[in-house]
Amino acid sequence: MNTKLTLNISESVIARAKVVARKNRTSVSRLVETYLTKITSQSELSVVDSIIKNAPAKKTVPGSEKKVLIEKLKTKYGA
């Protein structure tokens, strides 16, 4: 079941969103729904959030990001 939602968005953002929707052959509503689904999906955010939180402020060892990603994926999916 779909529910209507009223949002206050600037006209310029709406215009750009309509262009993106047309290019993707979808609606602005579908774009918003897809975005909200993505940002509210805990399983999708947890790995990315962990990588960002654990990423070194300054890359000192080549491949350090890959190690963090591998460890998080092992934890999530099992080794």
PDB file of N, CA and C in Angstrom:
ATOM      1  N   MET A   1       0.836  -1.180   0.000  1.00  0.00           N
ATOM      2  CA  MET A   1       0.000   0.000   0.000  1.00  0.00           C
ATOM      3  C   MET A   1       0.878   1.239   0.000  1.00  0.00           C
ATOM      4  N   ASN A   2       0.600   2.154  -0.875  1.00  0.00           N
ATOM      5  CA  ASN A   2       1.333   3.410  -0.931  1.00  0.00           C
ATOM      6  C   ASN A   2       0.609   4.476  -0.135  1.00  0.00           C
ATOM      7  N   THR A   3       1.363   5.362   0.466  1.00  0.00           N
ATOM      8  CA  THR A   3       0.824   6.463   1.247  1.00  0.00           C
ATOM      9  C   THR A   3       1.402   7.758   0.715  1.00  0.00           C
ATOM     10  N   LYS A   4       0.582   8.773   0.630  1.00  0.00           N
ATOM     11  CA  LYS A   4       1.066  10.075   0.178  1.00  0.00           C
ATOM     12  C   LYS A   4       1.873  10.736   1.282  1.00  0.00           C
ATOM     13  N   LEU A   5       2.880  11.498   0.854  1.00  0.00           N
ATOM     14  CA  LEU A   5       3.750  12.205   1.778  1.00  0.00           C
ATOM     15  C   LEU A   5       4.020  13.582   1.200  1.00  0.00           C
ATOM     16  N   THR A   6       3.864  14.605   1.994  1.00  0.00           N
ATOM     17  CA  THR A   6       4.124  15.965   1.542  1.00  0.00           C
ATOM     18  C   THR A   6       5.513  16.380   1.985  1.00  0.00           C
ATOM     19  N   LEU A   7       6.320  16.834   1.024  1.00  0.00           N
ATOM     20  CA  LEU A   7       7.676  17.282   1.312  1.00  0.00           C
ATOM     21  C   LEU A   7       7.844  18.712   0.815  1.00  0.00           C
ATOM     22  N   ASN A   8       8.686  19.456   1.483  1.00  0.00           N
ATOM     23  CA  ASN A   8       9.041  20.798   1.034  1.00  0.00           C
ATOM     24  C   ASN A   8      10.445  20.740   0.451  1.00  0.00           C
ATOM     25  N   ILE A   9      10.507  20.856  -0.877  1.00  0.00           N
ATOM     26  CA  ILE A   9      11.778  20.745  -1.582  1.00  0.00           C
ATOM     27  C   ILE A   9      11.872  21.917  -2.549  1.00  0.00           C
ATOM     28  N   SER A  10      13.061  22.487  -2.660  1.00  0.00           N
ATOM     29  CA  SER A  10      13.222  23.644  -3.543  1.00  0.00           C
ATOM     30  C   SER A  10      12.927  23.270  -4.991  1.00  0.00           C
ATOM     31  N   GLU A  11      12.471  24.259  -5.748  1.00  0.00           N
ATOM     32  CA  GLU A  11      12.098  24.025  -7.141  1.00  0.00           C
ATOM     33  C   GLU A  11      13.283  23.542  -7.973  1.00  0.00           C
ATOM     34  N   SER A  12      14.464  24.052  -7.677  1.00  0.00           N
ATOM     35  CA  SER A  12      15.633  23.653  -8.463  1.00  0.00           C
ATOM     36  C   SER A  12      15.977  22.179  -8.229  1.00  0.00           C
ATOM     37  N   VAL A  13      15.822  21.724  -7.005  1.00  0.00           N
ATOM     38  CA  VAL A  13      16.081  20.309  -6.703  1.00  0.00           C
ATOM     39  C   VAL A  13      15.041  19.437  -7.392  1.00  0.00           C
ATOM     40  N   ILE A  14      13.806  19.850  -7.365  1.00  0.00           N
ATOM     41  CA  ILE A  14      12.731  19.097  -8.024  1.00  0.00           C
ATOM     42  C   ILE A  14      13.000  19.007  -9.522  1.00  0.00           C
ATOM     43  N   ALA A  15      13.405  20.120 -10.125  1.00  0.00           N
ATOM     44  CA  ALA A  15      13.685  20.122 -11.560  1.00  0.00           C
ATOM     45  C   ALA A  15      14.815  19.151 -11.901  1.00  0.00           C
ATOM     46  N   ARG A  16      15.877  19.162 -11.095  1.00  0.00           N
ATOM     47  CA  ARG A  16      16.994  18.243 -11.339  1.00  0.00           C
ATOM     48  C   ARG A  16      16.564  16.792 -11.113  1.00  0.00           C
ATOM     49  N   ALA A  17      15.736  16.564 -10.107  1.00  0.00           N
ATOM     50  CA  ALA A  17      15.247  15.211  -9.824  1.00  0.00           C
ATOM     51  C   ALA A  17      14.397  14.694 -10.977  1.00  0.00           C
ATOM     52  N   LYS A  18      13.599  15.553 -11.574  1.00  0.00           N
ATOM     53  CA  LYS A  18      12.777  15.141 -12.716  1.00  0.00           C
ATOM     54  C   LYS A  18      13.642  14.749 -13.909  1.00  0.00           C
ATOM     55  N   VAL A  19      14.737  15.478 -14.116  1.00  0.00           N
ATOM     56  CA  VAL A  19      15.658  15.138 -15.207  1.00  0.00           C
ATOM     57  C   VAL A  19      16.270  13.759 -14.960  1.00  0.00           C
ATOM     58  N   VAL A  20      16.715  13.523 -13.727  1.00  0.00           N
ATOM     59  CA  VAL A  20      17.305  12.222 -13.374  1.00  0.00           C
ATOM     60  C   VAL A  20      16.269  11.115 -13.530  1.00  0.00           C
ATOM     61  N   ALA A  21      15.055  11.369 -13.081  1.00  0.00           N
ATOM     62  CA  ALA A  21      13.992  10.366 -13.191  1.00  0.00           C
ATOM     63  C   ALA A  21      13.717  10.029 -14.651  1.00  0.00           C
ATOM     64  N   ARG A  22      13.639  11.051 -15.496  1.00  0.00           N
ATOM     65  CA  ARG A  22      13.401  10.809 -16.916  1.00  0.00           C
ATOM     66  C   ARG A  22      14.525   9.970 -17.528  1.00  0.00           C
ATOM     67  N   LYS A  23      15.760  10.312 -17.190  1.00  0.00           N
ATOM     68  CA  LYS A  23      16.908   9.566 -17.731  1.00  0.00           C
ATOM     69  C   LYS A  23      16.866   8.102 -17.299  1.00  0.00           C
ATOM     70  N   ASN A  24      16.348   7.849 -16.095  1.00  0.00           N
ATOM     71  CA  ASN A  24      16.279   6.490 -15.560  1.00  0.00           C
ATOM     72  C   ASN A  24      14.932   5.822 -15.809  1.00  0.00           C
ATOM     73  N   ARG A  25      14.092   6.497 -16.582  1.00  0.00           N
ATOM     74  CA  ARG A  25      12.755   5.979 -16.910  1.00  0.00           C
ATOM     75  C   ARG A  25      11.984   5.557 -15.672  1.00  0.00           C
ATOM     76  N   THR A  26      11.929   6.463 -14.717  1.00  0.00           N
ATOM     77  CA  THR A  26      11.204   6.209 -13.478  1.00  0.00           C
ATOM     78  C   THR A  26      10.555   7.521 -13.036  1.00  0.00           C
ATOM     79  N   SER A  27      10.004   7.525 -11.850  1.00  0.00           N
ATOM     80  CA  SER A  27       9.373   8.730 -11.311  1.00  0.00           C
ATOM     81  C   SER A  27      10.212   9.294 -10.167  1.00  0.00           C
ATOM     82  N   VAL A  28       9.945  10.539  -9.844  1.00  0.00           N
ATOM     83  CA  VAL A  28      10.620  11.150  -8.697  1.00  0.00           C
ATOM     84  C   VAL A  28      10.217  10.402  -7.427  1.00  0.00           C
ATOM     85  N   SER A  29       8.977   9.996  -7.339  1.00  0.00           N
ATOM     86  CA  SER A  29       8.529   9.222  -6.174  1.00  0.00           C
ATOM     87  C   SER A  29       9.337   7.952  -6.014  1.00  0.00           C
ATOM     88  N   ARG A  30       9.585   7.262  -7.129  1.00  0.00           N
ATOM     89  CA  ARG A  30      10.361   6.023  -7.075  1.00  0.00           C
ATOM     90  C   ARG A  30      11.807   6.313  -6.683  1.00  0.00           C
ATOM     91  N   LEU A  31      12.378   7.413  -7.171  1.00  0.00           N
ATOM     92  CA  LEU A  31      13.735   7.806  -6.776  1.00  0.00           C
ATOM     93  C   LEU A  31      13.815   8.023  -5.266  1.00  0.00           C
ATOM     94  N   VAL A  32      12.838   8.744  -4.739  1.00  0.00           N
ATOM     95  CA  VAL A  32      12.820   9.024  -3.295  1.00  0.00           C
ATOM     96  C   VAL A  32      12.644   7.733  -2.515  1.00  0.00           C
ATOM     97  N   GLU A  33      11.736   6.882  -2.956  1.00  0.00           N
ATOM     98  CA  GLU A  33      11.511   5.610  -2.262  1.00  0.00           C
ATOM     99  C   GLU A  33      12.770   4.743  -2.274  1.00  0.00           C
ATOM    100  N   THR A  34      13.441   4.680  -3.413  1.00  0.00           N
ATOM    101  CA  THR A  34      14.675   3.903  -3.521  1.00  0.00           C
ATOM    102  C   THR A  34      15.740   4.452  -2.581  1.00  0.00           C
ATOM    103  N   TYR A  35      15.884   5.766  -2.563  1.00  0.00           N
ATOM    104  CA  TYR A  35      16.874   6.391  -1.682  1.00  0.00           C
ATOM    105  C   TYR A  35      16.554   6.123  -0.210  1.00  0.00           C
ATOM    106  N   LEU A  36      15.305   6.307   0.170  1.00  0.00           N
ATOM    107  CA  LEU A  36      14.922   6.088   1.569  1.00  0.00           C
ATOM    108  C   LEU A  36      15.090   4.624   1.967  1.00  0.00           C
ATOM    109  N   THR A  37      14.779   3.729   1.054  1.00  0.00           N
ATOM    110  CA  THR A  37      14.985   2.304   1.330  1.00  0.00           C
ATOM    111  C   THR A  37      16.461   2.020   1.561  1.00  0.00           C
ATOM    112  N   LYS A  38      17.290   2.607   0.717  1.00  0.00           N
ATOM    113  CA  LYS A  38      18.728   2.375   0.821  1.00  0.00           C
ATOM    114  C   LYS A  38      19.301   2.913   2.130  1.00  0.00           C
ATOM    115  N   ILE A  39      18.937   4.130   2.507  1.00  0.00           N
ATOM    116  CA  ILE A  39      19.531   4.713   3.715  1.00  0.00           C
ATOM    117  C   ILE A  39      18.949   4.150   4.999  1.00  0.00           C
ATOM    118  N   THR A  40      17.798   3.504   4.914  1.00  0.00           N
ATOM    119  CA  THR A  40      17.207   2.926   6.120  1.00  0.00           C
ATOM    120  C   THR A  40      17.468   1.439   6.249  1.00  0.00           C
ATOM    121  N   SER A  41      18.166   0.865   5.286  1.00  0.00           N
ATOM    122  CA  SER A  41      18.490  -0.555   5.323  1.00  0.00           C
ATOM    123  C   SER A  41      19.731  -0.759   6.180  1.00  0.00           C
ATOM    124  N   GLN A  42      19.548  -1.269   7.357  1.00  0.00           N
ATOM    125  CA  GLN A  42      20.654  -1.427   8.306  1.00  0.00           C
ATOM    126  C   GLN A  42      21.738  -2.345   7.769  1.00  0.00           C
ATOM    127  N   SER A  43      21.360  -3.417   7.070  1.00  0.00           N
ATOM    128  CA  SER A  43      22.363  -4.364   6.584  1.00  0.00           C
ATOM    129  C   SER A  43      23.265  -3.724   5.537  1.00  0.00           C
ATOM    130  N   GLU A  44      22.721  -2.847   4.700  1.00  0.00           N
ATOM    131  CA  GLU A  44      23.542  -2.188   3.698  1.00  0.00           C
ATOM    132  C   GLU A  44      24.446  -1.145   4.330  1.00  0.00           C
ATOM    133  N   LEU A  45      23.970  -0.474   5.351  1.00  0.00           N
ATOM    134  CA  LEU A  45      24.753   0.592   5.955  1.00  0.00           C
ATOM    135  C   LEU A  45      25.830   0.083   6.897  1.00  0.00           C
ATOM    136  N   SER A  46      25.623  -1.048   7.525  1.00  0.00           N
ATOM    137  CA  SER A  46      26.546  -1.481   8.559  1.00  0.00           C
ATOM    138  C   SER A  46      27.963  -1.711   8.048  1.00  0.00           C
ATOM    139  N   VAL A  47      28.123  -2.345   6.912  1.00  0.00           N
ATOM    140  CA  VAL A  47      29.456  -2.599   6.380  1.00  0.00           C
ATOM    141  C   VAL A  47      30.110  -1.291   5.957  1.00  0.00           C
ATOM    142  N   VAL A  48      29.376  -0.455   5.254  1.00  0.00           N
ATOM    143  CA  VAL A  48      29.923   0.824   4.797  1.00  0.00           C
ATOM    144  C   VAL A  48      30.277   1.712   5.986  1.00  0.00           C
ATOM    145  N   ASP A  49      29.388   1.793   6.962  1.00  0.00           N
ATOM    146  CA  ASP A  49      29.667   2.596   8.152  1.00  0.00           C
ATOM    147  C   ASP A  49      30.911   2.103   8.878  1.00  0.00           C
ATOM    148  N   SER A  50      31.058   0.789   8.989  1.00  0.00           N
ATOM    149  CA  SER A  50      32.229   0.228   9.660  1.00  0.00           C
ATOM    150  C   SER A  50      33.514   0.584   8.933  1.00  0.00           C
ATOM    151  N   ILE A  51      33.468   0.510   7.620  1.00  0.00           N
ATOM    152  CA  ILE A  51      34.664   0.840   6.837  1.00  0.00           C
ATOM    153  C   ILE A  51      35.025   2.303   7.032  1.00  0.00           C
ATOM    154  N   ILE A  52      34.038   3.161   6.969  1.00  0.00           N
ATOM    155  CA  ILE A  52      34.304   4.592   7.129  1.00  0.00           C
ATOM    156  C   ILE A  52      34.829   4.889   8.526  1.00  0.00           C
ATOM    157  N   LYS A  53      34.212   4.315   9.549  1.00  0.00           N
ATOM    158  CA  LYS A  53      34.653   4.561  10.919  1.00  0.00           C
ATOM    159  C   LYS A  53      36.052   4.044  11.186  1.00  0.00           C
ATOM    160  N   ASN A  54      36.412   2.908  10.567  1.00  0.00           N
ATOM    161  CA  ASN A  54      37.702   2.282  10.820  1.00  0.00           C
ATOM    162  C   ASN A  54      38.787   2.660   9.815  1.00  0.00           C
ATOM    163  N   ALA A  55      38.420   3.459   8.830  1.00  0.00           N
ATOM    164  CA  ALA A  55      39.414   3.860   7.837  1.00  0.00           C
ATOM    165  C   ALA A  55      40.438   4.785   8.494  1.00  0.00           C
ATOM    166  N   PRO A  56      41.694   4.582   8.161  1.00  0.00           N
ATOM    167  CA  PRO A  56      42.713   5.456   8.728  1.00  0.00           C
ATOM    168  C   PRO A  56      42.526   6.884   8.235  1.00  0.00           C
ATOM    169  N   ALA A  57      42.797   7.838   9.117  1.00  0.00           N
ATOM    170  CA  ALA A  57      42.663   9.242   8.735  1.00  0.00           C
ATOM    171  C   ALA A  57      43.621   9.568   7.591  1.00  0.00           C
ATOM    172  N   LYS A  58      44.759   8.968   7.623  1.00  0.00           N
ATOM    173  CA  LYS A  58      45.754   9.171   6.581  1.00  0.00           C
ATOM    174  C   LYS A  58      46.244   7.786   6.158  1.00  0.00           C
ATOM    175  N   LYS A  59      46.137   7.497   4.885  1.00  0.00           N
ATOM    176  CA  LYS A  59      46.538   6.174   4.406  1.00  0.00           C
ATOM    177  C   LYS A  59      48.055   6.038   4.553  1.00  0.00           C
ATOM    178  N   THR A  60      48.459   5.078   5.382  1.00  0.00           N
ATOM    179  CA  THR A  60      49.888   4.869   5.611  1.00  0.00           C
ATOM    180  C   THR A  60      50.366   3.544   5.040  1.00  0.00           C
ATOM    181  N   VAL A  61      49.466   2.579   4.912  1.00  0.00           N
ATOM    182  CA  VAL A  61      49.840   1.268   4.401  1.00  0.00           C
ATOM    183  C   VAL A  61      48.986   0.977   3.167  1.00  0.00           C
ATOM    184  N   PRO A  62      49.610   0.758   2.023  1.00  0.00           N
ATOM    185  CA  PRO A  62      48.816   0.435   0.841  1.00  0.00           C
ATOM    186  C   PRO A  62      47.926  -0.785   1.087  1.00  0.00           C
ATOM    187  N   GLY A  63      46.670  -0.679   0.692  1.00  0.00           N
ATOM    188  CA  GLY A  63      45.738  -1.794   0.833  1.00  0.00           C
ATOM    189  C   GLY A  63      45.052  -1.878   2.184  1.00  0.00           C
ATOM    190  N   SER A  64      45.237  -0.891   3.057  1.00  0.00           N
ATOM    191  CA  SER A  64      44.645  -0.976   4.392  1.00  0.00           C
ATOM    192  C   SER A  64      43.118  -0.971   4.336  1.00  0.00           C
ATOM    193  N   GLU A  65      42.539  -0.265   3.365  1.00  0.00           N
ATOM    194  CA  GLU A  65      41.079  -0.245   3.244  1.00  0.00           C
ATOM    195  C   GLU A  65      40.562  -1.633   2.877  1.00  0.00           C
ATOM    196  N   LYS A  66      41.296  -2.337   2.038  1.00  0.00           N
ATOM    197  CA  LYS A  66      40.887  -3.671   1.620  1.00  0.00           C
ATOM    198  C   LYS A  66      40.860  -4.621   2.813  1.00  0.00           C
ATOM    199  N   LYS A  67      41.830  -4.503   3.705  1.00  0.00           N
ATOM    200  CA  LYS A  67      41.871  -5.360   4.894  1.00  0.00           C
ATOM    201  C   LYS A  67      40.651  -5.124   5.773  1.00  0.00           C
ATOM    202  N   VAL A  68      40.286  -3.862   5.964  1.00  0.00           N
ATOM    203  CA  VAL A  68      39.110  -3.532   6.784  1.00  0.00           C
ATOM    204  C   VAL A  68      37.865  -4.127   6.140  1.00  0.00           C
ATOM    205  N   LEU A  69      37.727  -3.965   4.835  1.00  0.00           N
ATOM    206  CA  LEU A  69      36.558  -4.488   4.133  1.00  0.00           C
ATOM    207  C   LEU A  69      36.487  -6.008   4.256  1.00  0.00           C
ATOM    208  N   ILE A  70      37.599  -6.682   4.050  1.00  0.00           N
ATOM    209  CA  ILE A  70      37.633  -8.144   4.142  1.00  0.00           C
ATOM    210  C   ILE A  70      37.224  -8.606   5.535  1.00  0.00           C
ATOM    211  N   GLU A  71      37.743  -7.975   6.572  1.00  0.00           N
ATOM    212  CA  GLU A  71      37.395  -8.348   7.944  1.00  0.00           C
ATOM    213  C   GLU A  71      35.910  -8.141   8.218  1.00  0.00           C
ATOM    214  N   LYS A  72      35.363  -7.018   7.761  1.00  0.00           N
ATOM    215  CA  LYS A  72      33.930  -6.747   7.985  1.00  0.00           C
ATOM    216  C   LYS A  72      33.064  -7.744   7.242  1.00  0.00           C
ATOM    217  N   LEU A  73      33.460  -8.088   6.009  1.00  0.00           N
ATOM    218  CA  LEU A  73      32.675  -9.062   5.249  1.00  0.00           C
ATOM    219  C   LEU A  73      32.776 -10.455   5.866  1.00  0.00           C
ATOM    220  N   LYS A  74      33.952 -10.820   6.394  1.00  0.00           N
ATOM    221  CA  LYS A  74      34.093 -12.105   7.079  1.00  0.00           C
ATOM    222  C   LYS A  74      33.197 -12.150   8.303  1.00  0.00           C
ATOM    223  N   THR A  75      33.173 -11.060   9.054  1.00  0.00           N
ATOM    224  CA  THR A  75      32.334 -10.995  10.251  1.00  0.00           C
ATOM    225  C   THR A  75      30.855 -11.119   9.861  1.00  0.00           C
ATOM    226  N   LYS A  76      30.469 -10.450   8.795  1.00  0.00           N
ATOM    227  CA  LYS A  76      29.069 -10.450   8.391  1.00  0.00           C
ATOM    228  C   LYS A  76      28.646 -11.790   7.799  1.00  0.00           C
ATOM    229  N   TYR A  77      29.476 -12.364   6.917  1.00  0.00           N
ATOM    230  CA  TYR A  77      29.084 -13.559   6.182  1.00  0.00           C
ATOM    231  C   TYR A  77      29.771 -14.838   6.643  1.00  0.00           C
ATOM    232  N   GLY A  78      30.716 -14.727   7.554  1.00  0.00           N
ATOM    233  CA  GLY A  78      31.440 -15.899   8.022  1.00  0.00           C
ATOM    234  C   GLY A  78      32.664 -16.154   7.164  1.00  0.00           C
ATOM    235  N   ALA A  79      33.681 -16.730   7.809  1.00  0.00           N
ATOM    236  CA  ALA A  79      34.949 -16.923   7.072  1.00  0.00           C
ATOM    237  C   ALA A  79      35.020 -18.280   6.464  1.00  0.00           C
TER     238      ALA A  79
END
